[in-house]
Protein backbone atom coordinates (compact mmCIF):
# COMPACT_ATOMS: atom_id res chain seq x y z
CA MET A 1 -17.89 10.92 10.06
CA VAL A 2 -21.84 11.15 9.97
CA PRO A 3 -23.50 8.02 8.03
CA THR A 4 -25.66 9.07 4.97
CA ASP A 5 -28.27 7.11 2.84
CA GLU A 6 -25.33 6.46 0.42
CA LEU A 7 -23.15 4.98 3.08
CA LEU A 8 -24.07 2.91 5.89
CA ILE A 9 -21.59 2.98 9.01
CA GLU A 10 -22.16 -0.19 11.46
CA ASP A 11 -19.92 -1.41 14.22
CA ARG A 12 -20.21 -5.04 14.81
CA GLY A 13 -17.90 -5.99 17.97
CA PRO A 14 -14.52 -4.95 16.86
CA ALA A 15 -15.42 -4.51 13.36
CA ARG A 16 -16.30 -1.48 11.39
CA TRP A 17 -18.79 -2.18 8.68
CA ILE A 18 -18.91 0.53 5.70
CA THR A 19 -21.68 -0.44 3.31
CA LEU A 20 -21.83 1.38 -0.02
CA ASN A 21 -25.50 2.15 -0.71
CA ARG A 22 -26.51 3.11 -3.96
CA PRO A 23 -28.12 -0.43 -4.65
CA ASP A 24 -30.27 1.12 -7.72
CA ARG A 25 -27.01 2.28 -9.42
CA LEU A 26 -24.73 -1.10 -8.19
CA ASN A 27 -23.57 1.24 -5.41
CA ALA A 28 -21.63 3.52 -8.23
CA ILE A 29 -19.99 6.43 -6.39
CA ALA A 30 -21.86 9.75 -7.32
CA PRO A 31 -19.56 12.66 -8.47
CA ASP A 32 -19.77 14.19 -5.12
CA GLY A 33 -19.42 10.86 -3.03
CA TRP A 34 -15.61 10.50 -2.91
CA ASP A 35 -14.99 12.71 -0.30
CA GLY A 36 -17.68 10.77 1.82
CA VAL A 37 -15.78 7.32 1.33
CA ARG A 38 -12.54 8.79 1.91
CA GLU A 39 -14.09 10.43 5.27
CA ALA A 40 -15.49 7.40 6.36
CA ILE A 41 -12.17 5.31 5.91
CA GLU A 42 -10.37 8.08 7.86
CA ALA A 43 -13.14 7.78 10.42
CA PHE A 44 -12.34 4.02 10.96
CA GLU A 45 -8.77 4.63 11.25
CA ALA A 46 -9.27 7.04 14.14
CA SER A 47 -11.77 4.78 15.93
CA GLU A 48 -11.36 2.09 18.52
CA GLN A 49 -12.50 -0.64 15.98
CA ARG A 50 -9.87 -3.02 14.85
CA VAL A 51 -10.85 -4.22 11.43
CA MET A 52 -13.07 -2.35 8.69
CA VAL A 53 -15.15 -4.81 6.28
CA LEU A 54 -15.95 -2.95 3.20
CA THR A 55 -19.16 -4.29 1.06
CA GLY A 56 -22.05 -3.09 -0.94
CA SER A 57 -25.93 -3.37 -0.71
CA GLY A 58 -28.15 -5.00 -3.05
CA ARG A 59 -26.65 -7.25 -5.88
CA GLY A 60 -23.41 -5.05 -6.58
CA PHE A 61 -19.95 -4.30 -4.58
CA CYS A 62 -19.52 -1.06 -6.44
CA ALA A 63 -19.60 -0.37 -10.22
CA GLY A 64 -17.20 2.45 -9.77
CA ALA A 65 -17.72 6.36 -10.77
CA ASP A 66 -21.21 7.03 -11.72
CA LEU A 67 -20.86 7.91 -15.25
CA THR A 68 -23.97 9.58 -17.13
CA PRO A 69 -24.18 11.86 -19.96
CA THR A 70 -24.98 14.51 -17.40
CA ASP A 71 -22.47 13.68 -15.03
CA ILE A 72 -19.50 13.86 -17.28
CA SER A 73 -20.16 17.47 -18.57
CA HIS A 74 -18.20 18.99 -15.69
CA LEU A 75 -15.09 16.71 -16.57
CA VAL A 76 -15.10 17.63 -20.08
CA GLU A 77 -15.51 21.24 -19.21
CA GLY A 78 -12.28 21.44 -17.11
CA GLY A 79 -13.26 19.81 -13.74
CA GLY A 80 -11.22 16.58 -14.67
CA VAL A 81 -8.15 17.43 -12.40
CA GLU A 82 -10.10 18.03 -9.24
CA THR A 83 -12.43 15.26 -9.66
CA MET A 84 -9.35 12.89 -9.89
CA LYS A 85 -7.88 14.60 -6.85
CA THR A 86 -11.00 13.69 -4.97
CA VAL A 87 -10.67 10.09 -6.32
CA GLY A 88 -6.92 10.09 -5.56
CA ARG A 89 -7.53 11.16 -2.07
CA ALA A 90 -9.91 8.39 -1.27
CA ALA A 91 -7.67 5.80 -2.64
CA GLN A 92 -4.82 7.03 -0.58
CA ALA A 93 -6.86 6.76 2.33
CA LEU A 94 -7.65 3.30 1.95
CA HIS A 95 -4.04 2.35 1.44
CA ASP A 96 -2.86 4.43 4.08
CA VAL A 97 -5.19 2.65 6.81
CA SER A 98 -2.89 1.16 9.43
CA LYS A 99 -5.27 -1.59 10.63
CA PRO A 100 -6.76 -4.51 8.71
CA THR A 101 -9.13 -4.25 6.05
CA ILE A 102 -11.53 -6.83 4.23
CA ALA A 103 -13.51 -6.34 1.18
CA ALA A 104 -16.61 -8.51 1.20
CA VAL A 105 -17.41 -8.59 -2.91
CA ASN A 106 -21.30 -9.41 -2.87
CA GLY A 107 -21.65 -8.68 -6.65
CA VAL A 108 -19.92 -6.59 -9.41
CA ALA A 109 -16.90 -4.91 -8.80
CA ALA A 110 -16.02 -2.62 -11.88
CA GLY A 111 -13.75 -0.07 -12.48
CA ALA A 112 -12.77 1.99 -9.31
CA GLY A 113 -14.94 -0.58 -7.50
CA MET A 114 -12.88 -3.28 -8.53
CA ASN A 115 -9.74 -1.11 -7.34
CA MET A 116 -11.40 -0.21 -4.03
CA ALA A 117 -12.07 -4.20 -3.14
CA LEU A 118 -8.15 -4.72 -4.39
CA GLY A 119 -7.13 -1.91 -1.96
CA CYS A 120 -8.09 -3.90 1.02
CA ASP A 121 -5.56 -6.28 2.86
CA ILE A 122 -8.22 -9.33 2.15
CA VAL A 123 -11.06 -9.74 -0.48
CA LEU A 124 -13.64 -12.23 0.06
CA GLY A 125 -16.18 -12.91 -2.50
CA SER A 126 -19.94 -14.69 -2.78
CA PRO A 127 -20.35 -16.91 -5.76
CA ASP A 128 -22.09 -13.90 -7.62
CA ALA A 129 -18.78 -11.54 -7.23
CA ARG A 130 -17.62 -10.48 -10.72
CA PHE A 131 -14.66 -8.22 -11.66
CA THR A 132 -13.78 -5.70 -14.38
CA GLU A 133 -11.32 -3.12 -15.00
CA VAL A 134 -14.09 -1.66 -17.42
CA PHE A 135 -12.30 1.60 -18.17
CA VAL A 136 -10.86 0.80 -21.65
CA ARG A 137 -14.67 0.11 -22.70
CA ARG A 138 -15.60 3.39 -21.45
CA GLY A 139 -12.82 5.70 -23.18
CA LEU A 140 -10.95 5.64 -20.11
CA THR A 141 -7.66 4.39 -18.48
CA VAL A 142 -7.30 2.57 -14.97
CA ASP A 143 -7.55 4.61 -11.57
CA PHE A 144 -8.08 4.39 -8.10
CA GLY A 145 -4.63 2.48 -7.74
CA GLY A 146 -5.54 -0.11 -10.10
CA SER A 147 -2.13 0.14 -12.06
CA PHE A 148 -0.53 -0.36 -8.38
CA TYR A 149 -2.82 -3.32 -6.99
CA LEU A 150 -3.58 -5.34 -10.11
CA PRO A 151 0.00 -6.38 -10.68
CA ARG A 152 0.25 -7.21 -7.32
CA HIS A 153 -2.41 -9.62 -6.99
CA VAL A 154 -2.37 -11.47 -10.51
CA GLY A 155 1.20 -10.67 -12.13
CA LEU A 156 2.20 -8.01 -14.64
CA GLN A 157 0.98 -9.92 -17.83
CA ARG A 158 -2.36 -10.82 -16.52
CA ALA A 159 -3.06 -7.19 -14.97
CA LYS A 160 -2.33 -5.81 -18.69
CA GLU A 161 -4.81 -8.48 -20.18
CA LEU A 162 -7.50 -7.39 -17.76
CA SER A 163 -7.04 -3.64 -18.05
CA MET A 164 -6.80 -3.79 -22.01
CA THR A 165 -9.85 -6.16 -22.49
CA GLY A 166 -12.05 -4.91 -19.83
CA ARG A 167 -13.41 -8.52 -19.64
CA VAL A 168 -15.68 -9.53 -16.88
CA VAL A 169 -13.85 -12.31 -14.26
CA ASP A 170 -16.29 -14.55 -12.54
CA ALA A 171 -15.98 -15.75 -8.89
CA GLN A 172 -14.23 -18.93 -9.93
CA GLU A 173 -11.60 -17.44 -12.02
CA ALA A 174 -11.11 -14.55 -9.66
CA LEU A 175 -10.37 -17.09 -6.74
CA ARG A 176 -7.89 -19.03 -9.43
CA ILE A 177 -5.90 -15.73 -10.46
CA GLY A 178 -5.57 -14.23 -6.92
CA LEU A 179 -8.21 -11.63 -7.15
CA LEU A 180 -10.26 -13.60 -4.31
CA LEU A 181 -8.87 -15.35 -1.19
CA GLU A 182 -12.53 -17.11 -0.74
CA ILE A 183 -15.78 -17.90 -2.15
CA VAL A 184 -18.33 -18.11 0.35
CA GLU A 185 -22.00 -19.04 0.31
CA ASP A 186 -22.69 -16.84 3.61
CA LEU A 187 -20.56 -13.84 3.03
CA PRO A 188 -21.67 -11.46 5.83
CA THR A 189 -21.06 -14.20 8.20
CA ARG A 190 -17.66 -15.28 6.95
CA ALA A 191 -16.51 -11.52 6.71
CA GLN A 192 -17.44 -11.04 10.39
CA GLU A 193 -15.78 -14.09 11.49
CA LEU A 194 -12.67 -13.28 9.83
CA ALA A 195 -12.67 -9.66 11.01
CA GLU A 196 -13.02 -11.05 14.63
CA THR A 197 -10.23 -13.70 14.28
CA ILE A 198 -7.78 -10.96 13.24
CA ALA A 199 -9.12 -8.42 15.93
CA ALA A 200 -8.24 -11.05 18.50
CA ASN A 201 -4.56 -10.46 17.71
CA ALA A 202 -2.23 -7.74 18.96
CA PRO A 203 -2.87 -4.42 17.12
CA LEU A 204 0.95 -3.35 17.14
CA GLY A 205 1.81 -6.76 15.86
CA LEU A 206 -1.13 -6.29 13.07
CA ALA A 207 0.06 -2.67 11.96
CA SER A 208 3.73 -3.90 11.71
CA VAL A 209 2.90 -6.91 9.69
CA LYS A 210 0.60 -4.76 7.17
CA ALA A 211 3.02 -1.85 6.76
CA ASN A 212 6.11 -4.41 6.00
CA MET A 213 4.17 -6.53 3.72
CA ASN A 214 2.78 -3.40 1.83
CA ALA A 215 6.36 -2.18 1.55
CA SER A 216 8.01 -5.46 0.52
CA PHE A 217 8.00 -5.01 -3.23
CA GLN A 218 9.88 -1.67 -2.72
CA ARG A 219 12.49 -3.25 -0.25
CA THR A 220 15.50 -5.56 -0.62
CA LEU A 221 15.79 -8.14 1.76
CA ALA A 222 18.32 -6.29 3.96
CA GLU A 223 15.89 -3.56 4.27
CA ALA A 224 13.08 -5.69 4.86
CA LEU A 225 15.32 -7.53 7.64
CA GLU A 226 16.06 -3.94 9.11
CA ALA A 227 12.37 -2.83 9.02
CA GLU A 228 11.23 -6.21 10.73
CA GLY A 229 13.87 -5.70 13.53
CA ALA A 230 12.73 -2.32 14.34
CA ALA A 231 9.00 -3.25 14.56
CA GLN A 232 9.81 -6.15 16.58
CA VAL A 233 11.99 -3.76 19.05
CA VAL A 234 8.77 -1.87 19.22
CA CYS A 235 6.79 -5.17 20.20
CA PHE A 236 9.39 -6.22 22.84
CA GLY A 237 8.57 -3.35 24.87
CA SER A 238 4.74 -3.49 24.68
CA SER A 239 2.30 -4.48 27.23
CA ASP A 240 0.75 -6.68 24.66
CA MET A 241 3.97 -8.86 24.41
CA ALA A 242 3.92 -9.34 27.95
CA GLU A 243 -0.01 -10.40 27.80
CA GLY A 244 0.73 -12.65 24.97
CA VAL A 245 3.53 -14.59 26.81
CA ALA A 246 1.42 -14.49 30.10
CA ALA A 247 -1.46 -15.85 28.20
CA PHE A 248 0.52 -18.74 26.58
CA GLY A 249 2.01 -19.65 29.95
CA GLU A 250 -1.44 -19.72 31.63
CA LYS A 251 -3.20 -21.63 28.75
CA ARG A 252 -5.66 -18.71 28.25
CA SER A 253 -6.59 -16.39 25.31
CA PRO A 254 -4.53 -13.26 25.30
CA ARG A 255 -6.61 -9.96 26.01
CA PHE A 256 -4.69 -7.22 23.75
CA THR A 257 -5.05 -3.64 24.34
CA GLY A 258 -3.04 -2.01 21.56
CA ALA A 259 -0.65 -0.81 24.34
C-alpha cells in the first residue's frame, strides 16, 4: 500500500498510524477512495506493526462518504451496488484485522465515518469529538457496519434512536453512553501511549482476546469456554508464554516476539 495525499501512513514505534487526509472535506471518503482505505488496513494486517491507530487530519475524523450532486449521479444510474460492495469490503477488512485497533476521533465522525470509528477495538476522543448517524437526514440508511456495531456499543434502543434521528452526539454524551472510552485533551499522545501499552503484550494472546471478544455475542457460555480453552492451549506452546513466565520470575519486562 503506497500512501497518497488523501491517506497518510506513518509507523511510530510499534503503532501504524493511518490518517484520513481530506481536511477541506472533513476527511469524507471520495467515491473512489474506499479501496484505498481497505488496502491500508490490509497492509497493516500484513505488517510487523502491532497496533493500528486511525485518525483524521484537521478538525474532522471522517464525515463519511463524500456526497455531492455530481458524485451521486453514478449511484442513481445503477452504480450503487458496486459502490456498496467497495464500502462493505473496507468495513469487513477493518473487522477482520486480527491485531488491536484504536480510533482517535479528533472531530466530527458522521455516517460511515462514525461506524469506521466504532469498528475499531477502542475509541478515544478529543473534547471536539462529535458523532452522528446522519444517514436518514440524507435520505439513506445506515452502512459501514453501523447496524452491527452501534447496538453493541450503546444497546438496541439507543442505537435505534440515534439512527432514526440522525442527531449529533457530543463528546460528553458519547462518553456517557459508551461510544467513547475516554475524552483526552492531547489525543495523539494518549493514543500513542495506549498503542504502546497494548503492543508490549503478547501478540498471540492479544489476537485471541480480540477474536473471542468479537465472537462473544454469537456464542453460548459453553462455546466461549471451548474457544478460550483452544486458544489457551496454543498459548501454552508459544515462546511468548515461556518468555512471560521467565520475565515474571526475573522481575523484568517481557520481550514478546509473537512466536
